[in-house]
């Protein structure tokens, strides 16, 4: 499953249809693909995650009581989104800082 993080901060008063519109128009992705789409507010203390589960949109909304989320940055100038792995998603939601890193290639088992 793909996980996309919007690089531009949003007004998180948007709900299902507003966020789906951002996915289509800004991220240039299909909101019905089953991928997760993450959006952060300007202060980076709130995040919304939108996804389609075959019967409707789902929305997770998390607000931190203290501190901020460590939002991944685009590696390419002007990029509207960053793709992350599921392990990174969990770390972001737990408040763990992700330093820039490079994943090594893994050998395939015979």
Protein backbone atom coordinates (compact mmCIF):
# COMPACT_ATOMS: atom_id res chain seq x y z
CA UNK A 1 0.00 0.00 0.00
CA UNK A 2 1.34 3.41 -0.95
CA UNK A 3 1.52 6.17 1.67
CA UNK A 4 1.78 9.74 0.42
CA UNK A 5 2.58 12.78 2.57
CA UNK A 6 1.51 16.18 1.21
CA UNK A 7 4.47 18.57 1.40
CA UNK A 8 2.28 21.67 1.62
CA UNK A 9 0.52 22.34 4.92
CA UNK A 10 -3.28 22.50 4.82
CA UNK A 11 -6.17 24.01 6.66
CA UNK A 12 -7.43 20.79 8.27
CA UNK A 13 -11.02 21.98 8.51
CA UNK A 14 -11.47 20.13 5.22
CA UNK A 15 -13.20 16.81 5.50
CA UNK A 16 -13.58 13.78 3.24
CA UNK A 17 -14.50 15.45 -0.05
CA UNK A 18 -12.22 18.46 0.44
CA UNK A 19 -9.21 16.25 1.12
CA UNK A 20 -10.11 13.94 -1.79
CA UNK A 21 -10.10 17.04 -4.00
CA UNK A 22 -6.61 17.94 -2.81
CA UNK A 23 -5.47 14.39 -3.59
CA UNK A 24 -6.80 14.71 -7.15
CA UNK A 25 -5.86 18.31 -7.93
CA UNK A 26 -2.64 18.91 -5.98
CA UNK A 27 -1.09 15.48 -5.43
CA UNK A 28 -2.30 14.20 -8.84
CA UNK A 29 -3.27 10.82 -7.37
CA UNK A 30 -6.50 8.83 -7.28
CA UNK A 31 -8.14 9.07 -3.84
CA UNK A 32 -9.99 5.79 -4.55
CA UNK A 33 -6.73 3.85 -5.04
CA UNK A 34 -6.60 2.54 -1.47
CA UNK A 35 -3.41 4.49 -0.73
CA UNK A 36 -3.07 6.54 2.47
CA UNK A 37 -2.79 10.32 2.09
CA UNK A 38 -1.34 12.35 5.01
CA UNK A 39 -1.95 16.05 5.52
CA UNK A 40 -0.44 18.25 8.25
CA UNK A 41 -1.56 21.65 9.50
CA UNK A 42 0.71 24.72 9.53
CA UNK A 43 1.75 24.23 13.16
CA UNK A 44 2.47 20.50 12.53
CA UNK A 45 0.59 19.51 15.67
CA UNK A 46 -2.30 17.89 13.77
CA UNK A 47 -2.47 15.31 11.02
CA UNK A 48 -5.29 13.85 8.94
CA UNK A 49 -4.95 10.61 7.01
CA UNK A 50 -7.46 9.85 4.27
CA UNK A 51 -7.98 6.50 2.55
CA UNK A 52 -10.63 4.58 0.63
CA UNK A 53 -11.53 1.12 1.95
CA UNK A 54 -13.72 -0.17 -0.97
CA UNK A 55 -16.96 1.02 0.62
CA UNK A 56 -16.19 4.61 1.59
CA UNK A 57 -13.64 7.12 2.77
CA UNK A 58 -11.96 6.72 6.16
CA UNK A 59 -10.36 9.58 8.05
CA UNK A 60 -7.92 9.42 10.94
CA UNK A 61 -7.32 12.70 12.76
CA UNK A 62 -4.65 13.08 15.44
CA UNK A 63 -3.84 16.15 17.53
CA UNK A 64 -0.78 16.30 19.74
CA UNK A 65 -1.24 17.84 23.16
CA UNK A 66 2.44 18.85 23.26
CA UNK A 67 5.12 19.10 20.61
CA UNK A 68 4.91 18.73 16.86
CA UNK A 69 5.05 16.01 14.25
CA UNK A 70 8.29 15.63 12.32
CA UNK A 71 6.97 16.07 8.79
CA UNK A 72 9.06 14.45 6.02
CA UNK A 73 10.47 16.94 3.52
CA UNK A 74 10.49 16.58 -0.25
CA UNK A 75 13.81 15.50 -1.69
CA UNK A 76 13.08 17.23 -4.99
CA UNK A 77 12.35 20.98 -5.12
CA UNK A 78 8.70 21.70 -5.86
CA UNK A 79 7.50 18.16 -5.13
CA UNK A 80 3.90 18.14 -3.90
CA UNK A 81 4.20 14.80 -2.09
CA UNK A 82 6.63 12.39 -0.47
CA UNK A 83 6.18 8.64 -0.43
CA UNK A 84 6.94 6.85 2.85
CA UNK A 85 6.93 3.27 4.13
CA UNK A 86 4.48 1.88 6.71
CA UNK A 87 7.25 1.74 9.34
CA UNK A 88 7.90 5.46 8.83
CA UNK A 89 4.18 6.21 9.21
CA UNK A 90 4.15 4.54 12.62
CA UNK A 91 7.22 6.47 13.74
CA UNK A 92 5.78 9.80 12.59
CA UNK A 93 2.53 9.18 14.48
CA UNK A 94 4.53 8.24 17.60
CA UNK A 95 6.58 11.44 17.34
CA UNK A 96 9.88 9.79 16.44
CA UNK A 97 12.20 11.94 14.31
CA UNK A 98 13.23 10.36 11.04
CA UNK A 99 16.69 11.49 9.98
CA UNK A 100 17.41 11.50 6.28
CA UNK A 101 18.40 7.94 5.55
CA UNK A 102 18.85 5.54 2.71
CA UNK A 103 17.50 2.00 2.79
CA UNK A 104 19.91 -0.66 1.61
CA UNK A 105 18.84 -3.11 -1.06
CA UNK A 106 17.87 -6.49 0.31
CA UNK A 107 18.89 -9.78 -1.26
CA UNK A 108 16.07 -12.00 -2.46
CA UNK A 109 15.77 -15.39 -0.77
CA UNK A 110 16.28 -18.34 -3.11
